[in-house]
Amino acid sequence: MRYLSTRGGVEPVGFAEAVMMGLGTDGGLLVPERIPTLSADTLTGWSQLSFQPLAVEILTLFVGDSIPRADLVGLVERSYSTFFHPEVTPLAEHGDRQWLELFHGPTAAFKDVALQLLGHVFEYLLAREGGVLRIVGATSGDTGSAAIYGVRGKAGIEIFILHPKGRVSPIQERQMTTVLDANVHNIAVQGTFDDAQRIVKTLFNDLPFKQQYRLGAVNSINLARILAQTIYYFYAWGRISGGDLRRRVSFSVPTGNFGDVFAGWLAKRMGLPIDRLIVATNRNAILSRFVETGVYRAGEVYHTLSPAMDIQLASNFERYLYYLLDEDPAAVRALLAEMEQTGQLQVDGERQRRVAEDFDARAVSDAETLAEIRRVYRTSGYLLCPHTAVGACAAADTTDAVVLATAHPAKFDAAVVKAIGIAPPPPPPLQGLLERETRCVELPAEAEAVSRFMRETLDTSAREHP
């Protein structure tokens, strides 16, 4: 399998190079040269697999010969040995719904499913090929801690994570800033997540800087993140269907960066019997508005009870746009230029109809989020994080949809207390966080300030450890 850029300026590369490149050198996102199509027999057989063997089968389609199968098996086993549930991503039935629990990893959020794997893949490739990697990422809350836990202490890797100061939950902030390993660097940006994400893209588009310091990405701009996230869609369908291809399953996906729901779309394109994919957003409704109108327009970033979704520019939207425009890089560049000039882009009527075939969508208010946390708790005793509650609200008209439970409710205890008056008990990864020592630097929301800090940090490290 080879990988191309959505903007057409990257020669086809293999899996290993695609993972290490992160963002395309032309500013685009990497996508598979072709999307595999799975046979009925394959889907039926996979439905009986436990999570780790299923992960190996799916990843093999995309890894090709970049990683020998025996090595891939070892990487998968090590990656998911850190999870606190034997099924890794179990289905739970509470009240009138099934919930796909994605929060049993070391940071209690769905990002662990991909980032535990990606950290081991990075380490494996660096050990095999030599060199160093400097990871740069922006987070609205969960990506940062999951990425840090994925690479902390790993040889040859330094990680710089930007988060918007005061716009992540206290637990999320502590999960990042209490990791004191020498290769971990936290930056609180004086701005929004979109500001942090813009800085990261600016650094990657500075090709001399990127090449000099060998930058790599852990945000969902890294294709490996998306590939790993397809696994739990296949796993959930297998548990529900028992391999019956007539059984189609709908999923409601809380999303801000479009990565998690794009992974579901990719699984569906591969042949997984998915019925509806529901794009669940909070008040920052750029994605739900696009599904409903065909217009993608950024606005003010609102601070909500579901802060990981407080995003106006979804970094994975460009991947979907590429396929919506029939894999035409020139058309992608033209629409992105329109967005740059006017602040919005719009697809034509025929493509808007295709979007409506691919997705349903709904934006959910904070009041609705609290009401859903309260309703589910009172009727079933099950606690939701606010992001999961957004997914449940958005699926109100699709009663059989599986809701992706994206984080443990204890990560957002203030919202849960506001809804039901009771704080959720923390799982093992979150216990004692607020009492630990922290380390973080605060910087203005400027690419120059961040690049200067990175240069000083890395150059000092090189002098001290030549």
Protein backbone atom coordinates (compact mmCIF):
# COMPACT_ATOMS: atom_id res chain seq x y z
CA MET A 1 0.00 0.00 0.00
CA ARG A 2 1.25 3.48 -0.92
CA TYR A 3 0.05 6.88 0.24
CA LEU A 4 -0.72 10.12 -1.58
CA SER A 5 -1.41 13.70 -0.53
CA THR A 6 -4.87 15.24 -0.77
CA ARG A 7 -3.18 18.18 -2.53
CA GLY A 8 -1.27 16.09 -5.07
CA GLY A 9 2.25 17.35 -4.31
CA VAL A 10 3.77 14.24 -2.73
CA GLU A 11 5.14 11.29 -4.65
CA PRO A 12 3.58 8.01 -3.47
CA VAL A 13 5.25 6.77 -0.27
CA GLY A 14 5.08 3.58 1.78
CA PHE A 15 3.49 3.18 5.18
CA ALA A 16 6.66 3.79 7.20
CA GLU A 17 7.45 7.04 5.40
CA ALA A 18 3.82 8.17 5.61
CA VAL A 19 3.76 7.65 9.38
CA MET A 20 7.01 9.51 9.91
CA MET A 21 6.00 12.33 7.53
CA GLY A 22 2.73 13.05 9.36
CA LEU A 23 1.55 16.08 7.40
CA GLY A 24 2.33 15.98 3.67
CA THR A 25 5.26 18.12 2.58
CA ASP A 26 2.80 19.99 0.32
CA GLY A 27 0.59 20.86 3.30
CA GLY A 28 -1.94 18.17 2.45
CA LEU A 29 -3.03 15.07 4.36
CA LEU A 30 -1.91 11.59 3.39
CA VAL A 31 -4.51 9.08 2.17
CA PRO A 32 -4.27 5.49 0.86
CA GLU A 33 -3.65 5.15 -2.86
CA ARG A 34 -6.69 2.88 -2.81
CA ILE A 35 -9.19 1.87 -0.15
CA PRO A 36 -9.27 -1.92 0.31
CA THR A 37 -12.58 -3.67 -0.38
CA LEU A 38 -13.35 -6.56 1.94
CA SER A 39 -15.15 -9.73 0.90
CA ALA A 40 -18.18 -11.13 2.70
CA ASP A 41 -16.12 -14.10 3.90
CA THR A 42 -13.46 -11.78 5.34
CA LEU A 43 -16.01 -9.71 7.26
CA THR A 44 -17.72 -12.82 8.60
CA GLY A 45 -14.40 -14.30 9.70
CA TRP A 46 -13.23 -11.08 11.33
CA SER A 47 -16.46 -10.82 13.34
CA GLN A 48 -15.27 -13.72 15.51
CA LEU A 49 -11.86 -12.23 16.34
CA SER A 50 -10.91 -10.62 19.63
CA PHE A 51 -9.60 -7.06 19.49
CA GLN A 52 -5.86 -7.66 19.08
CA PRO A 53 -6.03 -10.25 16.25
CA LEU A 54 -8.62 -8.07 14.51
CA ALA A 55 -6.28 -5.09 14.78
CA VAL A 56 -3.48 -7.09 13.15
CA GLU A 57 -5.71 -8.11 10.22
CA ILE A 58 -6.95 -4.57 9.56
CA LEU A 59 -3.55 -2.93 9.93
CA THR A 60 -1.91 -5.50 7.66
CA LEU A 61 -4.01 -4.17 4.76
CA PHE A 62 -2.40 -0.76 5.17
CA VAL A 63 1.05 -1.61 6.48
CA GLY A 64 1.90 -4.02 3.68
CA ASP A 65 5.50 -5.18 3.87
CA SER A 66 6.68 -2.08 5.77
CA ILE A 67 6.47 -4.06 9.03
CA PRO A 68 6.80 -7.87 9.03
CA ARG A 69 3.66 -9.56 10.36
CA ALA A 70 5.42 -11.09 13.38
CA ASP A 71 6.69 -7.64 14.38
CA LEU A 72 3.24 -6.11 13.86
CA VAL A 73 1.70 -8.74 16.14
CA GLY A 74 4.22 -7.78 18.83
CA LEU A 75 3.51 -4.06 18.42
CA VAL A 76 -0.24 -4.62 18.74
CA GLU A 77 0.12 -6.85 21.79
CA ARG A 78 2.35 -4.33 23.58
CA SER A 79 0.12 -1.40 22.65
CA TYR A 80 -3.07 -2.85 24.11
CA SER A 81 -1.51 -4.53 27.14
CA THR A 82 -1.83 -1.12 28.86
CA PHE A 83 -5.65 -1.17 28.73
CA PHE A 84 -7.72 -1.90 31.84
CA HIS A 85 -10.40 -4.02 30.12
CA PRO A 86 -9.70 -7.39 28.48
CA GLU A 87 -11.78 -6.46 25.42
CA VAL A 88 -9.95 -3.12 24.99
CA THR A 89 -13.08 -1.40 23.56
CA PRO A 90 -16.07 -3.26 25.05
CA LEU A 91 -19.73 -2.73 24.22
CA ALA A 92 -21.89 -1.92 27.23
CA GLU A 93 -25.69 -1.90 27.34
CA HIS A 94 -27.30 0.54 29.74
CA GLY A 95 -30.81 1.90 29.59
CA ASP A 96 -32.09 2.07 26.04
CA ARG A 97 -28.67 2.15 24.33
CA GLN A 98 -25.45 0.35 23.57
CA TRP A 99 -22.28 2.29 24.32
CA LEU A 100 -18.92 1.57 22.72
CA GLU A 101 -16.58 2.25 25.63
CA LEU A 102 -13.32 3.70 24.34
CA PHE A 103 -11.97 4.96 27.67
CA HIS A 104 -10.22 1.94 29.16
CA GLY A 105 -6.70 3.01 28.14
CA PRO A 106 -4.00 4.69 30.26
CA THR A 107 -5.46 8.21 29.85
CA ALA A 108 -9.15 7.17 29.93
CA ALA A 109 -10.00 8.50 26.47
CA PHE A 110 -10.51 7.10 22.97
CA LYS A 111 -7.26 8.62 21.72
CA ASP A 112 -5.37 5.87 23.57
CA VAL A 113 -6.56 3.28 21.04
CA ALA A 114 -4.51 4.93 18.31
CA LEU A 115 -1.76 6.65 20.24
CA GLN A 116 -0.55 3.70 22.27
CA LEU A 117 -0.04 1.95 18.93
CA LEU A 118 1.50 4.96 17.22
CA GLY A 119 4.03 5.43 20.02
CA HIS A 120 5.23 1.86 19.62
CA VAL A 121 5.32 2.17 15.82
CA PHE A 122 7.45 5.32 16.08
CA GLU A 123 9.86 3.59 18.47
CA TYR A 124 10.04 0.51 16.23
CA LEU A 125 10.77 2.49 13.06
CA LEU A 126 13.38 4.67 14.77
CA ALA A 127 15.16 1.63 16.19
CA ARG A 128 15.18 0.02 12.76
CA GLU A 129 16.12 3.03 10.67
CA GLY A 130 18.02 5.19 13.13
CA GLY A 131 17.64 8.91 13.76
CA VAL A 132 15.40 10.95 16.02
CA LEU A 133 11.84 12.25 15.90
CA ARG A 134 10.46 15.47 17.36
CA ILE A 135 6.69 15.14 17.71
CA VAL A 136 4.61 18.30 17.63
CA GLY A 137 0.89 18.26 18.33
CA ALA A 138 -2.03 20.46 19.29
CA THR A 139 -4.72 19.18 21.63
CA SER A 140 -8.17 20.24 22.71
CA GLY A 141 -7.74 17.93 25.68
CA ASP A 142 -7.38 14.19 25.11
CA THR A 143 -4.91 13.88 22.22
CA GLY A 144 -2.15 15.54 24.21
CA SER A 145 -2.22 13.25 27.22
CA ALA A 146 -2.69 10.12 25.09
CA ALA A 147 0.24 11.12 22.87
CA ILE A 148 2.45 11.88 25.86
CA TYR A 149 1.65 8.56 27.50
CA GLY A 150 2.31 6.84 24.18
CA VAL A 151 5.88 8.12 23.83
CA ARG A 152 7.05 9.13 27.32
CA GLY A 153 10.56 7.87 27.95
CA LYS A 154 10.92 6.34 24.48
CA ALA A 155 14.39 6.55 22.97
CA GLY A 156 14.97 8.96 20.11
CA ILE A 157 11.68 10.84 20.62
CA GLU A 158 10.96 14.31 21.99
CA ILE A 159 7.34 15.49 22.19
CA PHE A 160 5.98 19.05 22.26
CA ILE A 161 2.25 19.33 22.97
CA LEU A 162 0.33 22.61 22.68
CA HIS A 163 -2.96 23.07 24.54
CA PRO A 164 -5.17 26.19 24.83
CA LYS A 165 -4.59 27.69 28.26
CA GLY A 166 -7.68 27.43 30.47
CA ARG A 167 -9.71 25.65 27.79
CA VAL A 168 -9.11 22.03 28.77
CA SER A 169 -10.48 20.37 31.90
CA PRO A 170 -8.28 20.43 35.03
CA ILE A 171 -7.89 16.64 34.83
CA GLN A 172 -6.85 16.83 31.16
CA GLU A 173 -4.31 19.54 31.95
CA ARG A 174 -2.84 17.55 34.85
CA GLN A 175 -2.64 14.38 32.75
CA MET A 176 -0.28 16.24 30.44
CA THR A 177 1.66 18.48 32.78
CA THR A 178 2.37 15.91 35.52
CA VAL A 179 4.40 13.75 33.11
CA LEU A 180 7.93 14.86 33.99
CA ASP A 181 9.95 12.62 31.65
CA ALA A 182 12.81 14.56 30.07
CA ASN A 183 11.46 14.01 26.55
CA VAL A 184 8.05 15.59 27.30
CA HIS A 185 7.41 19.33 26.79
CA ASN A 186 4.03 20.95 27.48
CA ILE A 187 3.11 24.36 26.07
CA ALA A 188 0.04 26.30 27.19
CA VAL A 189 -0.92 28.58 24.29
CA GLN A 190 -2.63 31.89 25.07
CA GLY A 191 -5.50 31.27 22.65
CA THR A 192 -7.89 28.63 21.34
CA PHE A 193 -7.34 25.11 20.08
CA ASP A 194 -7.65 26.42 16.53
CA ASP A 195 -4.77 28.80 17.29
CA ALA A 196 -2.68 25.88 18.55
CA GLN A 197 -3.56 23.77 15.52
CA ARG A 198 -2.69 26.65 13.18
CA ILE A 199 0.73 26.96 14.84
CA VAL A 200 1.41 23.24 14.37
CA LYS A 201 0.49 23.39 10.69
CA THR A 202 2.68 26.48 10.25
CA LEU A 203 5.66 24.63 11.77
CA PHE A 204 5.11 21.64 9.49
CA ASN A 205 4.80 23.88 6.44
CA ASP A 206 8.17 25.47 7.29
CA LEU A 207 10.04 22.74 5.42
CA PRO A 208 13.59 23.77 6.45
CA PHE A 209 12.53 23.77 10.11
CA LYS A 210 10.64 20.48 9.70
CA GLN A 211 13.60 18.79 8.03
CA GLN A 212 16.26 20.22 10.35
CA TYR A 213 14.47 19.02 13.48
CA ARG A 214 12.75 16.02 11.88
CA LEU A 215 9.22 16.86 12.99
CA GLY A 216 6.55 14.18 13.26
CA ALA A 217 2.82 14.38 13.96
CA VAL A 218 0.52 12.62 16.42
CA ASN A 219 -2.60 14.67 15.75
CA SER A 220 -5.15 12.96 13.55
CA ILE A 221 -3.33 14.53 10.60
CA ASN A 222 -1.19 11.38 10.99
CA LEU A 223 -2.92 8.72 8.92
CA ALA A 224 -1.95 5.94 11.36
CA ARG A 225 -4.33 7.52 13.88
CA ILE A 226 -7.27 7.09 11.51
CA LEU A 227 -6.35 3.52 10.55
CA ALA A 228 -6.17 2.46 14.20
CA GLN A 229 -9.53 4.05 14.96
CA THR A 230 -11.29 1.99 12.28
CA ILE A 231 -10.61 -1.12 14.38
CA TYR A 232 -13.29 -0.50 16.99
CA TYR A 233 -16.00 -0.01 14.36
CA PHE A 234 -15.25 -3.47 13.02
CA TYR A 235 -15.05 -4.87 16.55
CA ALA A 236 -18.41 -3.40 17.60
CA TRP A 237 -20.15 -4.61 14.44
CA GLY A 238 -18.82 -8.13 15.00
CA ARG A 239 -20.11 -8.21 18.58
CA ILE A 240 -23.55 -6.96 17.55
CA SER A 241 -24.02 -8.85 14.29
CA GLY A 242 -22.32 -12.15 15.02
CA GLY A 243 -21.11 -11.97 11.42
CA ASP A 244 -24.57 -11.61 9.85
CA LEU A 245 -23.94 -9.28 6.89
CA ARG A 246 -27.63 -8.32 6.81
CA ARG A 247 -27.19 -6.63 10.19
CA ARG A 248 -26.27 -3.01 9.63
CA VAL A 249 -25.21 -0.88 12.58
CA SER A 250 -25.43 2.89 13.07
CA PHE A 251 -22.93 4.87 15.14
CA SER A 252 -23.22 8.29 16.78
CA VAL A 253 -19.81 9.91 16.97
CA PRO A 254 -18.96 12.97 19.10
CA THR A 255 -16.47 14.82 16.93
CA GLY A 256 -14.63 18.09 16.63
CA ASN A 257 -11.70 17.29 14.35
CA PHE A 258 -13.65 14.84 12.15
CA GLY A 259 -11.06 12.11 12.67
CA ASP A 260 -13.18 9.62 14.61
CA VAL A 261 -16.16 9.83 12.29
CA PHE A 262 -13.88 9.75 9.23
CA ALA A 263 -12.50 6.46 10.56
CA GLY A 264 -16.07 5.15 10.59
CA TRP A 265 -16.61 6.42 7.04
CA LEU A 266 -13.42 4.65 5.95
CA ALA A 267 -14.60 1.40 7.55
CA LYS A 268 -17.88 1.73 5.68
CA ARG A 269 -16.04 2.32 2.40
CA MET A 270 -14.08 -0.86 3.07
CA GLY A 271 -17.38 -2.75 3.18
CA LEU A 272 -18.34 -2.80 6.87
CA PRO A 273 -22.18 -2.92 7.08
CA ILE A 274 -22.70 0.50 8.65
CA ASP A 275 -26.11 2.09 8.26
CA ARG A 276 -25.86 5.70 9.51
CA LEU A 277 -22.91 7.72 10.80
CA ILE A 278 -24.12 10.58 12.98
CA VAL A 279 -21.83 13.61 13.26
CA ALA A 280 -22.46 14.87 16.80
CA THR A 281 -21.15 18.36 17.57
CA ASN A 282 -21.60 20.89 20.33
CA ARG A 283 -22.27 24.60 19.80
CA ASN A 284 -19.15 24.75 17.61
CA ALA A 285 -21.22 23.38 14.77
CA ILE A 286 -19.06 23.81 11.67
CA LEU A 287 -19.26 20.08 10.83
CA SER A 288 -22.97 19.57 11.48
CA ARG A 289 -23.68 22.75 9.52
CA PHE A 290 -21.67 21.43 6.58
CA VAL A 291 -23.60 18.15 6.58
CA GLU A 292 -26.89 20.03 6.64
CA THR A 293 -26.07 22.81 4.14
CA GLY A 294 -22.92 21.94 2.18
CA VAL A 295 -21.27 25.12 3.50
CA TYR A 296 -18.08 24.88 5.57
CA ARG A 297 -17.57 28.20 7.35
CA ALA A 298 -15.51 28.91 10.44
CA GLY A 299 -16.86 31.18 13.13
CA GLU A 300 -16.15 32.13 16.72
CA VAL A 301 -14.88 29.32 18.95
CA TYR A 302 -17.31 28.83 21.85
CA HIS A 303 -16.17 27.43 25.20
CA THR A 304 -18.55 24.58 26.14
CA LEU A 305 -18.96 21.73 28.59
CA SER A 306 -17.46 19.40 25.96
CA PRO A 307 -14.15 21.23 25.41
CA ALA A 308 -12.45 18.56 23.28
CA MET A 309 -14.96 19.52 20.57
CA ASP A 310 -14.49 23.29 20.85
CA ILE A 311 -13.05 23.44 17.34
CA GLN A 312 -13.94 25.44 14.23
CA LEU A 313 -11.39 24.09 11.75
CA ALA A 314 -11.50 20.30 11.64
CA SER A 315 -8.11 18.97 10.60
CA ASN A 316 -9.48 15.76 9.04
CA PHE A 317 -12.15 17.45 6.95
CA GLU A 318 -9.70 17.74 4.07
CA ARG A 319 -9.46 13.96 3.80
CA TYR A 320 -13.21 13.63 3.39
CA LEU A 321 -13.23 16.54 0.95
CA TYR A 322 -10.67 14.70 -1.20
CA TYR A 323 -12.97 11.71 -1.59
CA LEU A 324 -16.06 13.87 -1.98
CA LEU A 325 -14.30 15.60 -4.90
CA ASP A 326 -13.60 12.22 -6.53
CA GLU A 327 -9.93 12.12 -5.45
CA ASP A 328 -9.08 15.22 -7.47
CA PRO A 329 -6.22 17.16 -5.78
CA ALA A 330 -6.70 20.18 -8.04
CA ALA A 331 -10.33 20.47 -6.95
CA VAL A 332 -9.25 20.18 -3.30
CA ARG A 333 -6.69 22.96 -3.74
CA ALA A 334 -9.28 25.18 -5.41
CA LEU A 335 -11.82 24.81 -2.61
CA LEU A 336 -9.18 25.34 0.07
CA ALA A 337 -8.06 28.49 -1.74
CA GLU A 338 -11.69 29.64 -1.69
CA MET A 339 -11.76 29.00 2.06
CA GLU A 340 -8.55 30.99 2.52
CA GLN A 341 -9.89 33.96 0.54
CA THR A 342 -13.51 34.11 1.71
CA GLY A 343 -13.60 32.28 5.03
CA GLN A 344 -15.84 29.54 3.70
CA LEU A 345 -16.22 26.90 1.02
CA GLN A 346 -19.31 25.34 -0.47
CA VAL A 347 -19.89 22.14 -2.43
CA ASP A 348 -22.44 21.87 -5.23
CA GLY A 349 -25.89 20.32 -4.93
CA GLU A 350 -24.93 16.88 -6.20
CA ARG A 351 -22.07 16.61 -3.70
CA GLN A 352 -24.25 17.94 -0.90
CA ARG A 353 -26.63 15.08 -1.60
CA ARG A 354 -23.69 12.66 -1.31
CA VAL A 355 -22.75 14.19 2.05
CA ALA A 356 -26.32 13.62 3.23
CA GLU A 357 -26.03 9.98 2.14
CA ASP A 358 -22.81 9.58 4.10
CA PHE A 359 -23.81 11.31 7.35
CA ASP A 360 -26.55 12.57 9.62
CA ALA A 361 -25.67 15.47 11.91
CA ARG A 362 -26.87 17.41 14.91
CA ALA A 363 -25.45 20.19 17.07
CA VAL A 364 -26.18 19.87 20.80
CA SER A 365 -26.34 22.66 23.39
CA ASP A 366 -24.82 22.60 26.86
CA ALA A 367 -28.32 22.49 28.37
CA GLU A 368 -29.15 19.41 26.31
CA THR A 369 -25.81 17.85 27.27
CA LEU A 370 -26.53 18.24 30.99
CA ALA A 371 -30.09 16.97 30.56
CA GLU A 372 -28.83 13.84 28.80
CA ILE A 373 -26.25 13.09 31.49
CA ARG A 374 -29.04 13.46 34.05
CA ARG A 375 -31.56 11.36 32.09
CA VAL A 376 -29.23 8.44 31.46
CA TYR A 377 -28.02 8.40 35.06
CA ARG A 378 -31.55 8.48 36.49
CA THR A 379 -32.85 5.76 34.19
CA SER A 380 -29.88 3.38 34.23
CA GLY A 381 -27.24 4.53 36.72
CA TYR A 382 -24.75 4.90 33.86
CA LEU A 383 -22.53 7.99 33.86
CA LEU A 384 -21.61 9.84 30.68
CA CYS A 385 -18.86 12.32 29.99
CA PRO A 386 -20.24 15.47 28.31
CA HIS A 387 -18.86 14.46 24.89
CA THR A 388 -20.58 11.09 25.08
CA ALA A 389 -23.76 12.89 26.13
CA VAL A 390 -23.53 15.01 22.98
CA GLY A 391 -23.36 11.79 20.97
CA ALA A 392 -26.39 10.39 22.77
CA CYS A 393 -28.44 13.55 22.20
CA ALA A 394 -27.55 13.61 18.52
CA ALA A 395 -28.77 10.01 18.20
CA ALA A 396 -32.18 10.71 19.77
CA ASP A 397 -33.97 9.96 16.47
CA THR A 398 -31.84 6.88 15.74
CA THR A 399 -32.73 4.78 18.75
CA ASP A 400 -30.65 1.76 17.74
CA ALA A 401 -27.43 3.71 17.13
CA VAL A 402 -24.34 2.73 19.12
CA VAL A 403 -22.95 5.80 20.87
CA LEU A 404 -19.17 6.13 21.06
CA ALA A 405 -18.32 6.74 24.73
CA THR A 406 -15.18 8.73 24.09
CA ALA A 407 -13.91 9.51 27.61
CA HIS A 408 -14.39 8.44 31.20
CA PRO A 409 -16.81 10.83 32.96
CA ALA A 410 -14.25 11.52 35.72
CA LYS A 411 -12.17 13.49 33.19
CA PHE A 412 -14.99 16.05 33.14
CA ASP A 413 -16.24 15.81 36.69
CA ALA A 414 -17.36 19.46 36.86
CA ALA A 415 -19.92 18.87 34.09
CA VAL A 416 -21.11 15.64 35.72
CA VAL A 417 -21.49 17.35 39.12
CA LYS A 418 -23.42 20.16 37.44
CA ALA A 419 -25.78 17.59 35.91
CA ILE A 420 -26.39 15.19 38.80
CA GLY A 421 -24.70 16.68 41.87
CA ILE A 422 -22.34 13.72 42.26
CA ALA A 423 -18.70 13.45 41.19
CA PRO A 424 -17.84 10.26 39.30
CA PRO A 425 -15.23 8.05 40.98
CA PRO A 426 -11.92 8.29 39.14
CA PRO A 427 -10.55 5.20 37.39
CA PRO A 428 -6.98 4.11 38.26
CA PRO A 429 -5.23 6.32 35.66
CA LEU A 430 -6.79 9.49 37.12
CA GLN A 431 -6.28 8.88 40.82
CA GLY A 432 -4.05 11.38 42.62
CA LEU A 433 -3.41 13.57 39.57
CA LEU A 434 -4.27 16.86 41.23
CA GLU A 435 -1.62 16.36 43.91
CA ARG A 436 1.31 15.70 41.57
CA GLU A 437 4.08 18.08 40.53
CA THR A 438 3.57 19.78 37.14
CA ARG A 439 5.78 21.26 34.42
CA CYS A 440 4.57 23.53 31.61
CA VAL A 441 5.59 26.68 29.75
CA GLU A 442 3.10 29.37 28.74
CA LEU A 443 3.57 31.07 25.34
CA PRO A 444 1.66 33.49 23.11
CA ALA A 445 -0.34 31.98 20.25
CA GLU A 446 2.40 32.67 17.71
CA ALA A 447 4.29 30.15 15.60
CA GLU A 448 7.52 32.13 16.03
CA ALA A 449 7.31 31.91 19.83
CA VAL A 450 6.77 28.16 19.71
CA SER A 451 9.51 27.50 17.14
CA ARG A 452 11.95 29.61 19.18
CA PHE A 453 11.15 27.61 22.32
CA MET A 454 11.60 24.34 20.42
CA ARG A 455 14.94 25.44 18.95
CA GLU A 456 16.27 26.52 22.34
CA THR A 457 15.09 23.30 24.01
CA LEU A 458 16.42 20.96 21.34
CA ASP A 459 19.70 22.80 20.85
CA THR A 460 20.32 22.77 24.61
CA SER A 461 19.52 19.05 24.75
CA ALA A 462 21.92 18.40 21.86
CA ARG A 463 24.75 20.24 23.70
CA GLU A 464 24.09 18.38 26.93
CA HIS A 465 23.68 14.97 25.25
CA PRO A 466 25.84 15.08 22.10
